[in-house]
Protein backbone atom coordinates (compact mmCIF):
# COMPACT_ATOMS: atom_id res chain seq x y z
CA UNK A 1 -21.88 -11.90 -24.73
CA UNK A 2 -19.55 -11.76 -27.74
CA UNK A 3 -15.97 -10.71 -27.35
CA UNK A 4 -12.81 -11.23 -29.37
CA UNK A 5 -10.13 -10.21 -26.90
CA UNK A 6 -9.88 -9.82 -23.14
CA UNK A 7 -6.91 -8.57 -21.11
CA UNK A 8 -6.56 -10.54 -17.87
CA UNK A 9 -4.74 -9.34 -14.77
CA UNK A 10 -2.70 -12.50 -14.30
CA UNK A 11 -0.70 -13.50 -11.21
CA UNK A 12 0.05 -17.08 -12.18
CA UNK A 13 -1.78 -18.41 -9.14
CA UNK A 14 -4.68 -20.84 -8.93
CA UNK A 15 -7.49 -18.31 -9.42
CA UNK A 16 -6.17 -16.47 -12.46
CA UNK A 17 -4.86 -19.65 -14.10
CA UNK A 18 -8.33 -21.16 -13.90
CA UNK A 19 -9.82 -17.86 -15.09
CA UNK A 20 -7.61 -17.83 -18.21
CA UNK A 21 -8.79 -21.32 -19.19
CA UNK A 22 -12.40 -20.56 -18.25
CA UNK A 23 -12.45 -17.39 -20.41
CA UNK A 24 -11.23 -19.33 -23.45
CA UNK A 25 -13.73 -22.11 -22.85
CA UNK A 26 -16.76 -19.93 -22.08
CA UNK A 27 -16.25 -17.09 -24.56
CA UNK A 28 -14.04 -18.66 -27.24
CA UNK A 29 -11.92 -15.51 -27.14
CA UNK A 30 -8.26 -14.54 -27.24
CA UNK A 31 -6.89 -14.04 -23.73
CA UNK A 32 -4.02 -11.59 -23.27
CA UNK A 33 -2.34 -11.77 -19.87
CA UNK A 34 -0.76 -8.90 -17.98
CA UNK A 35 1.47 -9.48 -14.97
CA UNK A 36 2.78 -6.46 -13.06
CA UNK A 37 6.09 -6.87 -11.27
CA UNK A 38 5.81 -4.48 -8.33
CA UNK A 39 8.34 -6.23 -6.14
CA UNK A 40 6.33 -9.28 -5.09
CA UNK A 41 9.17 -11.72 -5.62
CA UNK A 42 9.81 -15.02 -7.36
CA UNK A 43 6.22 -15.68 -8.52
CA UNK A 44 6.80 -13.27 -11.41
CA UNK A 45 9.26 -15.71 -13.02
CA UNK A 46 6.64 -18.45 -12.99
CA UNK A 47 3.78 -16.36 -14.38
CA UNK A 48 5.07 -16.21 -17.96
CA UNK A 49 5.81 -19.94 -18.02
CA UNK A 50 2.36 -20.80 -16.67
CA UNK A 51 0.65 -18.49 -19.16
CA UNK A 52 2.45 -20.19 -22.06
CA UNK A 53 1.37 -23.61 -20.80
CA UNK A 54 -2.23 -22.40 -20.87
CA UNK A 55 -1.85 -21.56 -24.55
CA UNK A 56 -1.70 -17.78 -24.13
CA UNK A 57 -0.07 -16.18 -27.17
CA UNK A 58 0.32 -12.56 -25.97
CA UNK A 59 1.87 -12.23 -22.54
CA UNK A 60 2.81 -8.94 -20.89
CA UNK A 61 5.16 -9.06 -17.90
CA UNK A 62 6.35 -5.61 -16.86
CA UNK A 63 8.66 -4.38 -14.11
CA UNK A 64 6.75 -1.44 -12.63
CA UNK A 65 8.48 -1.36 -9.25
CA UNK A 66 10.06 2.09 -9.62
CA UNK A 67 6.87 3.56 -11.08
CA UNK A 68 4.87 2.04 -8.25
CA UNK A 69 7.04 3.55 -5.50
CA UNK A 70 7.67 6.91 -7.17
CA UNK A 71 4.18 7.69 -8.49
CA UNK A 72 1.93 5.87 -6.03
CA UNK A 73 3.67 5.00 -2.74
CA UNK A 74 5.60 8.26 -2.32
CA UNK A 75 2.58 10.53 -2.97
CA UNK A 76 0.58 8.47 -0.47
CA UNK A 77 3.37 8.67 2.13
CA UNK A 78 3.33 12.48 1.90
CA UNK A 79 -0.12 12.34 3.47
CA UNK A 80 0.86 10.04 6.38
CA UNK A 81 -2.14 7.92 5.38
CA UNK A 82 -3.12 4.88 7.43
CA UNK A 83 -6.52 3.22 7.18
CA UNK A 84 -8.28 2.95 10.54
CA UNK A 85 -5.06 3.96 12.25
CA UNK A 86 -2.93 0.91 11.43
CA UNK A 87 -3.06 -0.31 7.83
CA UNK A 88 -0.49 1.27 5.51
CA UNK A 89 -2.62 0.51 2.40
CA UNK A 90 -0.08 -1.76 0.73
CA UNK A 91 -2.61 -3.69 -1.38
CA UNK A 92 -4.92 -0.73 -1.93
CA UNK A 93 -2.27 1.53 -3.47
CA UNK A 94 -1.15 -1.12 -5.99
CA UNK A 95 -4.54 -1.65 -7.61
CA UNK A 96 -4.85 1.66 -9.49
CA UNK A 97 -1.47 1.11 -11.18
CA UNK A 98 -2.46 -2.39 -12.32
CA UNK A 99 -5.81 -1.09 -13.57
CA UNK A 100 -4.10 1.71 -15.46
CA UNK A 101 -1.87 -0.73 -17.33
CA UNK A 102 -4.82 -3.05 -18.04
CA UNK A 103 -6.63 -0.16 -19.71
CA UNK A 104 -3.54 0.90 -21.67
CA UNK A 105 -2.84 -2.64 -22.89
CA UNK A 106 -6.50 -3.12 -23.84
CA UNK A 107 -6.32 0.03 -25.95
CA UNK A 108 -3.08 -1.08 -27.59
CA UNK A 109 -4.45 -4.54 -28.37
CA UNK A 110 -7.89 -3.39 -29.48
CA UNK A 111 -9.60 -5.24 -26.62
CA UNK A 112 -12.87 -3.92 -25.22
CA UNK A 113 -12.85 -6.25 -22.18
CA UNK A 114 -10.60 -6.60 -19.16
CA UNK A 115 -10.81 -9.24 -16.44
CA UNK A 116 -9.63 -9.59 -12.83
CA UNK A 117 -9.62 -12.40 -10.28
CA UNK A 118 -10.91 -10.50 -7.25
CA UNK A 119 -13.68 -12.18 -5.27
CA UNK A 120 -17.19 -10.80 -4.84
CA UNK A 121 -16.68 -10.37 -1.09
CA UNK A 122 -13.54 -8.26 -1.11
CA UNK A 123 -12.31 -4.73 -1.69
CA UNK A 124 -10.15 -5.43 -4.74
CA UNK A 125 -13.07 -5.85 -7.13
CA UNK A 126 -14.12 -2.29 -6.24
CA UNK A 127 -10.60 -0.90 -6.55
CA UNK A 128 -9.91 -2.51 -9.92
CA UNK A 129 -13.22 -1.52 -11.44
CA UNK A 130 -13.55 2.03 -10.11
CA UNK A 131 -10.04 2.76 -11.40
CA UNK A 132 -10.79 1.17 -14.78
CA UNK A 133 -14.04 3.06 -15.27
CA UNK A 134 -12.38 6.34 -14.26
CA UNK A 135 -9.77 5.82 -17.00
CA UNK A 136 -12.12 4.38 -19.65
CA UNK A 137 -15.85 4.73 -18.94
CA UNK A 138 -16.68 2.45 -21.89
CA UNK A 139 -14.53 -0.49 -20.84
CA UNK A 140 -16.27 -3.83 -20.21
CA UNK A 141 -15.24 -5.80 -17.14
CA UNK A 142 -15.50 -9.52 -16.46
CA UNK A 143 -15.38 -10.57 -12.80
CA UNK A 144 -15.59 -14.40 -12.87
CA UNK A 145 -16.13 -14.82 -9.12
CA UNK A 146 -19.42 -12.92 -9.51
CA UNK A 147 -20.74 -15.06 -12.37
CA UNK A 148 -19.27 -18.55 -12.57
CA UNK A 149 -20.63 -21.64 -10.81
CA UNK A 150 -17.55 -22.22 -8.65
CA UNK A 151 -18.14 -21.51 -4.97
CA UNK A 152 -14.74 -22.20 -3.43
CA UNK A 153 -11.10 -22.74 -4.25
CA UNK A 154 -11.65 -26.48 -3.87
CA UNK A 155 -13.95 -26.18 -6.92
CA UNK A 156 -11.13 -24.41 -8.76
CA UNK A 157 -8.69 -27.19 -7.88
CA UNK A 158 -11.04 -29.80 -9.32
CA UNK A 159 -11.47 -27.74 -12.52
CA UNK A 160 -7.70 -27.24 -12.77
CA UNK A 161 -7.00 -30.96 -12.46
CA UNK A 162 -9.67 -31.85 -15.01
CA UNK A 163 -8.13 -29.37 -17.45
CA UNK A 164 -4.51 -30.26 -16.63
CA UNK A 165 -3.70 -26.79 -15.35
CA UNK A 166 -0.45 -26.78 -13.38
CA UNK A 167 -1.13 -25.59 -9.83
CA UNK A 168 0.68 -25.61 -6.49
CA UNK A 169 -2.46 -25.27 -4.37
CA UNK A 170 -2.38 -27.64 -1.41
CA UNK A 171 1.29 -28.55 -1.89
CA UNK A 172 3.63 -28.61 1.07
CA UNK A 173 5.28 -25.30 0.18
CA UNK A 174 2.04 -23.42 -0.43
CA UNK A 175 0.88 -20.97 2.24
CA UNK A 176 -2.56 -21.74 3.71
CA UNK A 177 -3.34 -18.02 3.63
CA UNK A 178 -4.69 -15.74 0.94
CA UNK A 179 -1.73 -13.46 0.32
CA UNK A 180 -0.85 -10.32 -1.58
CA UNK A 181 2.70 -9.03 -1.83
CA UNK A 182 4.62 -6.14 -3.35
CA UNK A 183 7.67 -4.07 -2.48
CA UNK A 184 5.68 -2.17 0.16
CA UNK A 185 3.99 -5.00 2.04
CA UNK A 186 2.71 -8.55 2.36
CA UNK A 187 -0.83 -9.29 3.52
CA UNK A 188 -2.30 -12.49 4.94
CA UNK A 189 -6.00 -13.39 5.16
CA UNK A 190 -8.12 -16.53 5.48
CA UNK A 191 -7.31 -19.82 7.19
CA UNK A 192 -7.15 -19.61 10.97
CA UNK A 193 -7.07 -15.81 10.71
CA UNK A 194 -10.82 -15.89 10.10
CA UNK A 195 -11.16 -16.47 13.84
CA UNK A 196 -10.09 -13.12 15.38
CA UNK A 197 -9.19 -14.85 18.68
CA UNK A 198 -6.61 -17.18 17.18
CA UNK A 199 -3.09 -15.90 16.81
CA UNK A 200 -1.21 -16.62 13.57
CA UNK A 201 1.64 -19.09 13.58
CA UNK A 202 5.06 -17.52 13.68
CA UNK A 203 5.85 -19.32 10.42
CA UNK A 204 3.23 -17.22 8.62
CA UNK A 205 5.35 -14.09 8.71
CA UNK A 206 7.62 -14.18 5.67
CA UNK A 207 9.34 -10.79 5.70
CA UNK A 208 10.16 -9.82 9.27
CA UNK A 209 11.81 -11.50 12.23
CA UNK A 210 9.98 -11.80 15.51
CA UNK A 211 11.01 -9.43 18.29
CA UNK A 212 12.54 -12.39 20.11
CA UNK A 213 14.70 -13.40 17.14
CA UNK A 214 15.56 -9.91 15.95
CA UNK A 215 19.14 -8.69 16.12
CA UNK A 216 20.56 -7.54 19.45
CA UNK A 217 22.53 -4.76 17.81
CA UNK A 218 20.66 -1.55 16.89
CA UNK A 219 21.09 0.33 13.61
CA UNK A 220 21.22 4.10 13.41
CA UNK A 221 20.38 5.60 10.03
CA UNK A 222 19.93 9.06 8.53
CA UNK A 223 17.22 9.82 6.00
CA UNK A 224 17.28 12.98 3.86
CA UNK A 225 13.97 14.48 2.80
CA UNK A 226 13.24 16.85 -0.07
CA UNK A 227 9.71 18.13 -0.68
CA UNK A 228 8.41 15.45 1.68
CA UNK A 229 10.13 12.51 -0.05
CA UNK A 230 13.16 10.53 1.11
CA UNK A 231 15.91 11.08 -1.45
CA UNK A 232 19.00 9.85 0.44
CA UNK A 233 19.80 6.91 2.68
CA UNK A 234 22.80 7.57 4.93
CA UNK A 235 23.82 10.47 2.68
CA UNK A 236 23.70 8.33 -0.48
CA UNK A 237 21.26 9.32 -3.24
CA UNK A 238 19.05 6.44 -4.37
CA UNK A 239 15.91 5.87 -6.40
CA UNK A 240 12.62 5.60 -4.45
CA UNK A 241 12.39 1.81 -4.91
CA UNK A 242 15.99 1.25 -3.82
CA UNK A 243 15.46 3.37 -0.71
CA UNK A 244 12.37 1.34 0.18
CA UNK A 245 14.31 -1.90 -0.36
CA UNK A 246 17.04 -0.68 2.01
CA UNK A 247 14.45 0.22 4.64
CA UNK A 248 12.71 -3.13 4.15
CA UNK A 249 15.91 -5.07 4.80
CA UNK A 250 16.75 -3.14 7.98
CA UNK A 251 13.21 -3.27 9.34
CA UNK A 252 13.01 -7.01 8.70
CA UNK A 253 16.01 -7.87 10.86
CA UNK A 254 14.74 -5.61 13.68
CA UNK A 255 11.21 -7.06 13.73
CA UNK A 256 9.61 -3.83 12.55
CA UNK A 257 6.39 -3.58 10.58
CA UNK A 258 3.92 -6.28 11.68
CA UNK A 259 0.23 -5.54 12.20
CA UNK A 260 -2.75 -7.75 13.07
CA UNK A 261 -6.05 -5.91 12.63
CA UNK A 262 -9.76 -6.32 12.04
CA UNK A 263 -10.76 -3.77 9.43
CA UNK A 264 -13.99 -2.59 7.85
CA UNK A 265 -14.18 -3.47 4.17
CA UNK A 266 -15.89 -0.99 1.86
CA UNK A 267 -18.63 -3.51 1.01
CA UNK A 268 -19.63 -3.77 4.67
CA UNK A 269 -17.87 -6.90 5.92
CA UNK A 270 -15.43 -6.91 8.81
CA UNK A 271 -12.21 -8.71 7.89
CA UNK A 272 -9.20 -9.80 9.91
CA UNK A 273 -5.90 -9.31 8.17
CA UNK A 274 -2.22 -9.49 9.10
CA UNK A 275 0.25 -7.19 7.39
CA UNK A 276 3.99 -6.72 7.12
CA UNK A 277 5.02 -3.23 6.05
CA UNK A 278 8.66 -3.11 7.17
CA UNK A 279 10.25 -0.18 5.34
CA UNK A 280 6.98 1.73 5.17
CA UNK A 281 6.76 1.76 8.97
CA UNK A 282 10.17 3.44 9.21
CA UNK A 283 9.27 5.88 6.44
CA UNK A 284 6.01 6.87 8.13
CA UNK A 285 7.66 7.61 11.48
CA UNK A 286 10.55 9.54 9.89
CA UNK A 287 8.23 11.60 7.69
CA UNK A 288 6.15 12.68 10.66
CA UNK A 289 9.37 13.64 12.47
CA UNK A 290 10.58 15.96 9.70
CA UNK A 291 7.11 17.47 9.36
CA UNK A 292 7.09 18.24 13.10
CA UNK A 293 9.70 20.97 12.61
CA UNK A 294 8.83 22.14 9.09
CA UNK A 295 5.02 22.36 8.99
CA UNK A 296 3.10 25.31 10.39
CA UNK A 297 0.75 24.26 13.19
CA UNK A 298 -2.47 24.87 11.29
CA UNK A 299 -1.16 23.14 8.16
CA UNK A 300 -0.09 20.15 10.25
CA UNK A 301 -3.53 19.98 11.86
CA UNK A 302 -5.27 20.36 8.51
CA UNK A 303 -3.26 17.43 7.19
CA UNK A 304 -4.32 15.38 10.21
CA UNK A 305 -7.95 16.25 9.51
CA UNK A 306 -7.86 15.23 5.83
CA UNK A 307 -5.59 12.20 6.27
CA UNK A 308 -8.43 9.89 7.26
CA UNK A 309 -10.51 10.98 4.27
CA UNK A 310 -7.54 10.54 1.96
CA UNK A 311 -6.79 7.07 3.38
CA UNK A 312 -10.40 5.98 2.92
CA UNK A 313 -10.36 7.16 -0.69
CA UNK A 314 -7.35 4.95 -1.43
CA UNK A 315 -8.72 2.00 0.55
CA UNK A 316 -12.09 2.21 -1.21
CA UNK A 317 -10.65 2.51 -4.73
CA UNK A 318 -10.93 6.22 -5.54
CA UNK A 319 -7.32 6.94 -6.50
CA UNK A 320 -8.38 8.48 -9.82
CA UNK A 321 -11.32 10.41 -8.35
CA UNK A 322 -11.41 14.23 -8.55
CA UNK A 323 -11.52 14.52 -4.76
CA UNK A 324 -8.35 12.43 -4.28
CA UNK A 325 -6.56 14.45 -6.94
CA UNK A 326 -7.65 17.69 -5.26
CA UNK A 327 -6.46 16.50 -1.87
CA UNK A 328 -3.16 15.41 -3.43
CA UNK A 329 -2.54 18.92 -4.71
CA UNK A 330 -3.06 20.30 -1.21
CA UNK A 331 -0.82 17.63 0.32
CA UNK A 332 1.95 18.14 -2.25
CA UNK A 333 1.79 21.91 -1.73
CA UNK A 334 2.22 21.39 2.03
CA UNK A 335 5.49 19.52 1.42
CA UNK A 336 7.46 22.33 -0.25
CA UNK A 337 9.39 23.07 2.95
CA UNK A 338 9.49 19.51 4.28
CA UNK A 339 13.23 19.24 3.75
CA UNK A 340 15.98 18.03 6.05
CA UNK A 341 17.42 15.02 7.82
CA UNK A 342 15.97 12.58 10.33
CA UNK A 343 18.22 10.39 12.48
CA UNK A 344 16.57 7.14 13.50
CA UNK A 345 17.43 4.19 15.71
CA UNK A 346 16.01 0.78 14.77
CA UNK A 347 15.86 -1.83 17.50
CA UNK A 348 13.59 -4.66 18.71
CA UNK A 349 10.49 -3.63 16.78
CA UNK A 350 10.95 0.07 17.50
CA UNK A 351 11.57 3.06 15.25
CA UNK A 352 13.11 5.61 17.61
CA UNK A 353 13.63 9.18 16.43
CA UNK A 354 16.99 10.46 17.69
CA UNK A 355 17.05 13.80 15.94
CA UNK A 356 15.73 15.97 13.13
CA UNK A 357 17.12 19.07 11.43
CA UNK A 358 16.02 21.25 8.53
CA UNK A 359 17.04 24.45 6.75
CA UNK A 360 13.31 25.25 6.79
CA UNK A 361 12.80 24.51 10.47
CA UNK A 362 10.11 26.51 12.28
CA UNK A 363 11.40 25.36 15.65
CA UNK A 364 12.92 28.12 17.80
CA UNK A 365 15.06 27.15 20.76
CA UNK A 366 14.89 30.76 21.98
CA UNK A 367 11.09 30.63 22.14
CA UNK A 368 10.72 27.15 23.60
CA UNK A 369 13.41 27.33 26.27
CA UNK A 370 12.46 27.48 29.96
CA UNK A 371 15.74 29.14 30.83
CA UNK A 372 15.09 32.70 29.67
CA UNK A 373 12.43 34.91 28.07
CA UNK A 374 12.72 35.85 24.42
CA UNK A 375 11.99 39.34 23.21
CA UNK A 376 9.38 37.91 20.86
CA UNK A 377 7.30 36.38 23.65
CA UNK A 378 6.07 37.98 26.84
CA UNK A 379 4.68 35.47 29.31
CA UNK A 380 2.27 38.10 30.69
CA UNK A 381 0.46 38.07 27.34
CA UNK A 382 -0.73 34.54 28.03
CA UNK A 383 -3.13 35.85 30.71
CA UNK A 384 -5.20 37.78 28.19
CA UNK A 385 -5.06 34.92 25.70
CA UNK A 386 -6.45 32.51 28.28
CA UNK A 387 -9.18 34.91 29.47
CA UNK A 388 -10.44 35.50 25.92
CA UNK A 389 -10.48 31.79 25.13
CA UNK A 390 -12.24 30.97 28.40
CA UNK A 391 -15.17 33.36 27.85
CA UNK A 392 -17.55 30.69 26.56
CA UNK A 393 -16.49 28.30 29.33
CA UNK A 394 -17.10 30.85 32.08
CA UNK A 395 -20.45 31.99 30.71
CA UNK A 396 -23.29 30.34 32.66
């Protein structure tokens, strides 16, 4: 294989630092690193420094947090998507954005190869590559974990030390888990979590307080929706990312947003993962509350039917597929009247809906009340409705 340039998705961690050196050594090529800041925290500051120490000349570090929330998280939230009922797709939804920028940078730099550090057992390799091929069918992809001789991260540590690559693997401050973080969530895999019977240590959770240590004073907040998206927090207009940050902070102190699940990876392996999605958990509950009074029954049920398909498409890496785009049009169209305010109480791990109101509300107190009959509804009509719908049940 002959290549001049390769654009590497670079986190600054052990895997991608070794990959950068390995690419130079194996292919004698120019490595261009790309690090996406999507709200994962302090590691972004270190990535550029580490890349320079590796001898990388062209280094891209971009703050994509607002783009990530506005163009990826918000559209996904309109669908109420959760994978297998619990996972809010925090890692899955970030991969298409990173892939998109890899392809754009490769085009700008005249590179015909991109590279990622996802393992050959996980979902991310599929997500990165399906997205990349959808955007540039001719792109070439290097996935080191599927071709190099290293079998474990201990092998990478030995290689890093031999090549004087600065690493923090195994140091006292390094988490024993395989982690992924962004503004939406933090995930934890590996270590003792590989035994589904063992509970994680409390110290593992980095973003949320335990129920026991959460605040004893509840918070009541109001969230304004327009076209299915939150646009105001307590009557104050904010950008999507700033709203999510506000929700994250509140959820964290109330112990909201933890999940411990065994999920089915696309490649066929069951995997145990722990997730913190603090603000996203509040958002999900509030969005369903405003939809409950603004969506027609059949539209609400249709959304429920397609939500699982939509969630699987994101989980499996098909964000740029024609079917996801088609479903997104339907979902976005359903949100035109999803406007109004949701009042929510946050306390001891709970997101409690206190009230919802909308100028587009389909709820009728006159129809639903038990106190009097409305002129639009005659209770006697229900007898015929029931008899017609029971015909097939009564037929022997």
